Amino acid sequence: MAAVAAALAPPQLLDPLALADFEAGLDGLHENDLVDEAEVDSIVREAILHTIGETPWTDSKVASWTSHIIEGTLKKLAALQKPMKYVCKVGLTQRSGAGLHAACCSRWNPKTDGQLSVHWESQTVLVLVTVFWVAL
């Protein structure tokens, strides 16, 4: 009976600001809630430089480097206090002249969600970090 009553209830009017956000595809987010790609790029590069810097390729450090880059990146992204979930993927390889290929695909709201890949190289290390963010 409650379902019938709910179906017959008059429609609720939407808050005009919420309606404008919905029509803009922002899903209730405000402009300052969105992620700035330049800021993400800077955060990732800082994490890489802090972790690897000019240290030469060392097989035994790869797992540690990977963890530190991910942790450093996610910690700084969380500090932005945006209503987002983040995913960080790191690929490291020894720079030897061979290529490194990576691909990703996503389906999301392009106005609120995104992805950024950062390519970084030293004399002996090649790093590819991809960060994804999705609005809550």
Protein backbone atom coordinates (compact mmCIF):
# COMPACT_ATOMS: atom_id res chain seq x y z
CA MET A 1 0.00 0.00 0.00
CA ALA A 2 2.91 2.35 0.77
CA ALA A 3 4.26 1.83 -2.76
CA VAL A 4 0.91 2.90 -4.24
CA ALA A 5 0.81 5.99 -2.01
CA ALA A 6 4.35 6.91 -3.03
CA ALA A 7 3.47 6.48 -6.70
CA LEU A 8 0.45 8.77 -6.31
CA ALA A 9 2.30 11.43 -4.31
CA PRO A 10 2.92 14.70 -6.15
CA PRO A 11 6.43 14.97 -7.63
CA GLN A 12 8.99 16.72 -5.45
CA LEU A 13 10.41 19.90 -6.88
CA LEU A 14 14.16 19.88 -7.25
CA ASP A 15 16.35 22.55 -5.78
CA PRO A 16 17.16 24.87 -8.74
CA LEU A 17 20.91 24.69 -8.01
CA ALA A 18 20.82 20.89 -7.81
CA LEU A 19 18.84 20.80 -11.06
CA ALA A 20 21.41 23.05 -12.78
CA ASP A 21 24.24 20.78 -11.56
CA PHE A 22 22.36 17.70 -12.74
CA GLU A 23 21.72 19.23 -16.15
CA ALA A 24 25.39 20.21 -16.38
CA GLY A 25 26.34 16.60 -15.62
CA LEU A 26 28.04 17.45 -12.33
CA ASP A 27 25.92 15.06 -10.23
CA GLY A 28 25.62 17.53 -7.34
CA LEU A 29 29.29 18.52 -7.34
CA HIS A 30 30.42 22.11 -7.44
CA GLU A 31 33.21 23.43 -9.62
CA ASN A 32 35.67 23.45 -6.68
CA ASP A 33 34.92 19.74 -6.03
CA LEU A 34 36.34 18.75 -9.42
CA VAL A 35 39.88 17.46 -9.88
CA ASP A 36 42.48 19.68 -11.55
CA GLU A 37 44.61 17.56 -13.91
CA ALA A 38 47.61 19.88 -13.54
CA GLU A 39 47.49 19.40 -9.77
CA VAL A 40 47.35 15.60 -10.16
CA ASP A 41 50.30 15.73 -12.58
CA SER A 42 52.31 17.77 -10.09
CA ILE A 43 51.46 15.40 -7.20
CA VAL A 44 52.50 12.33 -9.20
CA ARG A 45 55.77 13.88 -10.39
CA GLU A 46 56.61 14.96 -6.85
CA ALA A 47 55.99 11.40 -5.58
CA ILE A 48 58.23 9.96 -8.30
CA LEU A 49 61.05 12.45 -7.69
CA HIS A 50 60.85 11.98 -3.94
CA THR A 51 60.92 8.19 -4.31
CA ILE A 52 63.38 7.60 -7.16
CA GLY A 53 65.04 10.89 -8.00
CA GLU A 54 68.34 10.12 -9.72
CA THR A 55 68.78 6.70 -8.09
CA PRO A 56 69.92 4.21 -10.74
CA TRP A 57 67.78 1.17 -11.58
CA THR A 58 68.01 -1.40 -8.81
CA ASP A 59 65.94 -4.58 -9.15
CA SER A 60 65.64 -5.02 -5.40
CA LYS A 61 64.07 -1.55 -4.97
CA VAL A 62 61.29 -1.85 -7.55
CA ALA A 63 58.60 -3.15 -5.17
CA SER A 64 59.46 -0.47 -2.61
CA TRP A 65 59.51 2.28 -5.25
CA THR A 66 56.12 1.18 -6.55
CA SER A 67 54.56 1.20 -3.06
CA HIS A 68 56.06 4.57 -2.16
CA ILE A 69 54.88 6.24 -5.37
CA ILE A 70 51.35 4.91 -4.89
CA GLU A 71 51.23 5.81 -1.19
CA GLY A 72 52.70 9.27 -1.75
CA THR A 73 50.30 10.01 -4.59
CA LEU A 74 47.17 8.75 -2.82
CA LYS A 75 48.06 10.53 0.43
CA LYS A 76 48.37 13.90 -1.34
CA LEU A 77 45.22 13.30 -3.40
CA ALA A 78 43.26 12.46 -0.24
CA ALA A 79 44.57 15.67 1.35
CA LEU A 80 42.79 17.64 -1.39
CA GLN A 81 39.53 16.58 0.32
CA LYS A 82 37.62 16.21 -2.93
CA PRO A 83 34.53 13.94 -2.99
CA MET A 84 36.35 11.39 -5.15
CA LYS A 85 37.64 7.84 -5.10
CA TYR A 86 41.14 7.43 -6.50
CA VAL A 87 42.97 4.55 -8.13
CA CYS A 88 46.70 4.73 -8.77
CA LYS A 89 48.59 2.30 -11.01
CA VAL A 90 52.38 2.32 -11.36
CA GLY A 91 54.52 0.64 -13.98
CA LEU A 92 58.31 0.65 -13.65
CA THR A 93 60.88 -0.72 -16.03
CA GLN A 94 64.58 -0.46 -16.57
CA ARG A 95 65.35 1.99 -19.35
CA SER A 96 67.05 -0.14 -21.97
CA GLY A 97 65.76 1.17 -25.28
CA ALA A 98 62.76 -1.15 -25.36
CA GLY A 99 59.31 0.41 -25.34
CA LEU A 100 56.68 0.33 -22.64
CA HIS A 101 53.08 0.19 -23.84
CA ALA A 102 50.03 0.58 -21.65
CA ALA A 103 46.33 1.10 -22.29
CA CYS A 104 43.19 1.64 -20.27
CA CYS A 105 39.53 2.13 -21.01
CA SER A 106 36.76 3.56 -18.89
CA ARG A 107 33.10 4.46 -18.97
CA TRP A 108 32.09 7.25 -16.64
CA ASN A 109 30.82 10.80 -16.40
CA PRO A 110 33.44 12.81 -18.31
CA LYS A 111 32.44 16.01 -16.49
CA THR A 112 33.29 14.71 -13.00
CA ASP A 113 35.52 11.66 -13.45
CA GLY A 114 38.87 11.36 -15.14
CA GLN A 115 42.24 9.81 -15.65
CA LEU A 116 45.75 11.09 -16.13
CA SER A 117 48.91 9.25 -17.12
CA VAL A 118 52.33 10.61 -16.21
CA HIS A 119 55.41 9.41 -18.07
CA TRP A 120 58.74 10.03 -16.32
CA GLU A 121 62.28 8.96 -17.18
CA SER A 122 65.72 9.13 -15.66
CA GLN A 123 68.92 7.76 -17.18
CA THR A 124 68.06 4.21 -16.09
CA VAL A 125 64.40 4.17 -14.99
CA LEU A 126 61.15 4.56 -16.91
CA VAL A 127 57.96 5.16 -14.90
CA LEU A 128 54.35 5.28 -16.05
CA VAL A 129 51.79 6.28 -13.42
CA THR A 130 48.07 6.37 -14.17
CA VAL A 131 45.64 7.96 -11.73
CA PHE A 132 41.87 7.54 -12.03
CA TRP A 133 39.31 9.56 -10.08
CA VAL A 134 35.58 8.92 -9.83
CA ALA A 135 33.06 11.16 -8.09
CA LEU A 136 31.33 9.73 -5.03
